[in-house]
Amino acid sequence: DNYKVNHSVTHIYIWGWLEVETIEIGYAKTRSATLNSTNMTLKSKKAIDLDNDRIIDGWACVWRYENSYGFEAGTFKASSKSANSPWNTMNITFYIH
């Protein structure tokens, strides 16, 4: 399945860095995120266990964009591809302004 979510977020001018958290259900083999086509850094990844059965159901990932000049607006894109890709791919895009 391909999942696409489009959101628009109103935000103020950002100076220095921006962090975005993505939640993925399933097990990704590869993942990435960009802001205005610039790669973001994966700062942390935390396992999610939805039903307390001690089996990992997904991941909460925190992505960071760092820029000493700041920015006022941009397009965030993230992608997560399952081990059995291309069939299970998650994509999300939203605009920050």
C-alpha atoms as a PDB file:
ATOM      1  CA  ASP A   1       0.000   0.000   0.000  1.00  0.00           C
ATOM      2  CA  ASN A   2       1.086   3.554  -0.672  1.00  0.00           C
ATOM      3  CA  TYR A   3       0.012   6.105   1.908  1.00  0.00           C
ATOM      4  CA  LYS A   4       0.099   9.821   1.204  1.00  0.00           C
ATOM      5  CA  VAL A   5      -0.882  12.479   3.700  1.00  0.00           C
ATOM      6  CA  ASN A   6      -0.899  16.134   2.788  1.00  0.00           C
ATOM      7  CA  HIS A   7      -1.118  18.799   5.485  1.00  0.00           C
ATOM      8  CA  SER A   8      -0.495  22.515   5.723  1.00  0.00           C
ATOM      9  CA  VAL A   9       0.976  23.866   8.962  1.00  0.00           C
ATOM     10  CA  THR A  10       1.103  27.558   9.823  1.00  0.00           C
ATOM     11  CA  HIS A  11       4.389  28.407  11.481  1.00  0.00           C
ATOM     12  CA  ILE A  12       6.510  31.415  12.374  1.00  0.00           C
ATOM     13  CA  TYR A  13      10.006  32.176  11.116  1.00  0.00           C
ATOM     14  CA  ILE A  14      12.364  29.441  12.288  1.00  0.00           C
ATOM     15  CA  TRP A  15      15.949  30.224  13.233  1.00  0.00           C
ATOM     16  CA  GLY A  16      18.619  27.547  13.520  1.00  0.00           C
ATOM     17  CA  TRP A  17      16.800  24.205  13.468  1.00  0.00           C
ATOM     18  CA  LEU A  18      13.476  22.469  13.024  1.00  0.00           C
ATOM     19  CA  GLU A  19      12.489  19.002  14.239  1.00  0.00           C
ATOM     20  CA  VAL A  20       9.640  16.933  12.799  1.00  0.00           C
ATOM     21  CA  GLU A  21       8.433  13.621  14.241  1.00  0.00           C
ATOM     22  CA  THR A  22       7.072  10.918  11.954  1.00  0.00           C
ATOM     23  CA  ILE A  23       5.226   7.813  13.125  1.00  0.00           C
ATOM     24  CA  GLU A  24       5.428   4.695  11.000  1.00  0.00           C
ATOM     25  CA  ILE A  25       3.576   1.464  11.611  1.00  0.00           C
ATOM     26  CA  GLY A  26       5.445  -1.575  10.332  1.00  0.00           C
ATOM     27  CA  TYR A  27       9.123  -2.264   9.908  1.00  0.00           C
ATOM     28  CA  ALA A  28      11.042   0.009   7.548  1.00  0.00           C
ATOM     29  CA  LYS A  29      14.204  -1.069   5.817  1.00  0.00           C
ATOM     30  CA  THR A  30      15.033   2.471   4.662  1.00  0.00           C
ATOM     31  CA  ARG A  31      13.689   5.881   5.608  1.00  0.00           C
ATOM     32  CA  SER A  32      14.517   9.475   4.719  1.00  0.00           C
ATOM     33  CA  ALA A  33      13.247  13.026   5.175  1.00  0.00           C
ATOM     34  CA  THR A  34      13.924  16.358   3.472  1.00  0.00           C
ATOM     35  CA  LEU A  35      13.014  19.995   3.906  1.00  0.00           C
ATOM     36  CA  ASN A  36      13.126  22.023   0.693  1.00  0.00           C
ATOM     37  CA  SER A  37      14.978  19.076  -0.913  1.00  0.00           C
ATOM     38  CA  THR A  38      17.753  19.229   1.728  1.00  0.00           C
ATOM     39  CA  ASN A  39      18.333  15.976   3.614  1.00  0.00           C
ATOM     40  CA  MET A  40      17.341  16.016   7.276  1.00  0.00           C
ATOM     41  CA  THR A  41      19.210  14.127   9.996  1.00  0.00           C
ATOM     42  CA  LEU A  42      17.550  11.255  11.856  1.00  0.00           C
ATOM     43  CA  LYS A  43      18.103  12.378  15.468  1.00  0.00           C
ATOM     44  CA  SER A  44      16.246   9.594  17.263  1.00  0.00           C
ATOM     45  CA  LYS A  45      14.207   6.474  16.616  1.00  0.00           C
ATOM     46  CA  LYS A  46      11.966   4.966  19.286  1.00  0.00           C
ATOM     47  CA  ALA A  47      10.142   1.636  19.058  1.00  0.00           C
ATOM     48  CA  ILE A  48       6.341   1.628  19.341  1.00  0.00           C
ATOM     49  CA  ASP A  49       4.505  -1.319  20.944  1.00  0.00           C
ATOM     50  CA  LEU A  50       0.789  -0.665  20.427  1.00  0.00           C
ATOM     51  CA  ASP A  51      -0.607  -3.584  22.458  1.00  0.00           C
ATOM     52  CA  ASN A  52       2.127  -4.294  25.037  1.00  0.00           C
ATOM     53  CA  ASP A  53       2.935  -7.706  23.568  1.00  0.00           C
ATOM     54  CA  ARG A  54       6.679  -6.881  23.470  1.00  0.00           C
ATOM     55  CA  ILE A  55       6.614  -6.942  19.664  1.00  0.00           C
ATOM     56  CA  ILE A  56       7.645  -3.761  17.880  1.00  0.00           C
ATOM     57  CA  ASP A  57       4.730  -2.457  15.813  1.00  0.00           C
ATOM     58  CA  GLY A  58       6.397   0.652  14.425  1.00  0.00           C
ATOM     59  CA  TRP A  59       8.775   3.542  15.001  1.00  0.00           C
ATOM     60  CA  ALA A  60       8.636   7.175  16.093  1.00  0.00           C
ATOM     61  CA  CYS A  61      11.394   9.027  14.236  1.00  0.00           C
ATOM     62  CA  VAL A  62      12.602  12.564  14.960  1.00  0.00           C
ATOM     63  CA  TRP A  63      14.137  14.388  11.989  1.00  0.00           C
ATOM     64  CA  ARG A  64      16.205  17.582  12.291  1.00  0.00           C
ATOM     65  CA  TYR A  65      16.868  20.324   9.777  1.00  0.00           C
ATOM     66  CA  GLU A  66      19.682  22.687  10.742  1.00  0.00           C
ATOM     67  CA  ASN A  67      20.421  25.975   9.021  1.00  0.00           C
ATOM     68  CA  SER A  68      22.127  28.941  10.653  1.00  0.00           C
ATOM     69  CA  TYR A  69      20.314  31.294   8.261  1.00  0.00           C
ATOM     70  CA  GLY A  70      16.829  30.068   9.236  1.00  0.00           C
ATOM     71  CA  PHE A  71      13.857  29.859   6.885  1.00  0.00           C
ATOM     72  CA  GLU A  72      10.292  31.077   6.626  1.00  0.00           C
ATOM     73  CA  ALA A  73       8.586  28.331   4.652  1.00  0.00           C
ATOM     74  CA  GLY A  74       9.244  24.949   3.160  1.00  0.00           C
ATOM     75  CA  THR A  75       8.066  21.569   1.988  1.00  0.00           C
ATOM     76  CA  PHE A  76       8.713  18.612   4.299  1.00  0.00           C
ATOM     77  CA  LYS A  77       8.812  15.171   2.695  1.00  0.00           C
ATOM     78  CA  ALA A  78       9.425  11.813   4.357  1.00  0.00           C
ATOM     79  CA  SER A  79       9.541   8.316   2.945  1.00  0.00           C
ATOM     80  CA  SER A  80       9.675   4.925   4.630  1.00  0.00           C
ATOM     81  CA  LYS A  81      10.161   1.728   2.617  1.00  0.00           C
ATOM     82  CA  SER A  82       9.442  -1.712   3.984  1.00  0.00           C
ATOM     83  CA  ALA A  83      11.802  -4.656   3.621  1.00  0.00           C
ATOM     84  CA  ASN A  84       9.400  -6.006   0.970  1.00  0.00           C
ATOM     85  CA  SER A  85       9.400  -2.714  -0.959  1.00  0.00           C
ATOM     86  CA  PRO A  86       8.093  -1.488  -3.393  1.00  0.00           C
ATOM     87  CA  TRP A  87       4.755  -2.827  -2.189  1.00  0.00           C
ATOM     88  CA  ASN A  88       4.771  -1.201   1.238  1.00  0.00           C
ATOM     89  CA  THR A  89       5.911   2.384   1.033  1.00  0.00           C
ATOM     90  CA  MET A  90       4.810   5.335   3.163  1.00  0.00           C
ATOM     91  CA  ASN A  91       5.181   8.893   1.882  1.00  0.00           C
ATOM     92  CA  ILE A  92       4.166  12.089   3.615  1.00  0.00           C
ATOM     93  CA  THR A  93       4.373  15.667   2.356  1.00  0.00           C
ATOM     94  CA  PHE A  94       3.314  18.871   4.022  1.00  0.00           C
ATOM     95  CA  TYR A  95       4.031  22.551   3.630  1.00  0.00           C
ATOM     96  CA  ILE A  96       5.200  24.761   6.506  1.00  0.00           C
ATOM     97  CA  HIS A  97       4.522  28.465   6.051  1.00  0.00           C
END
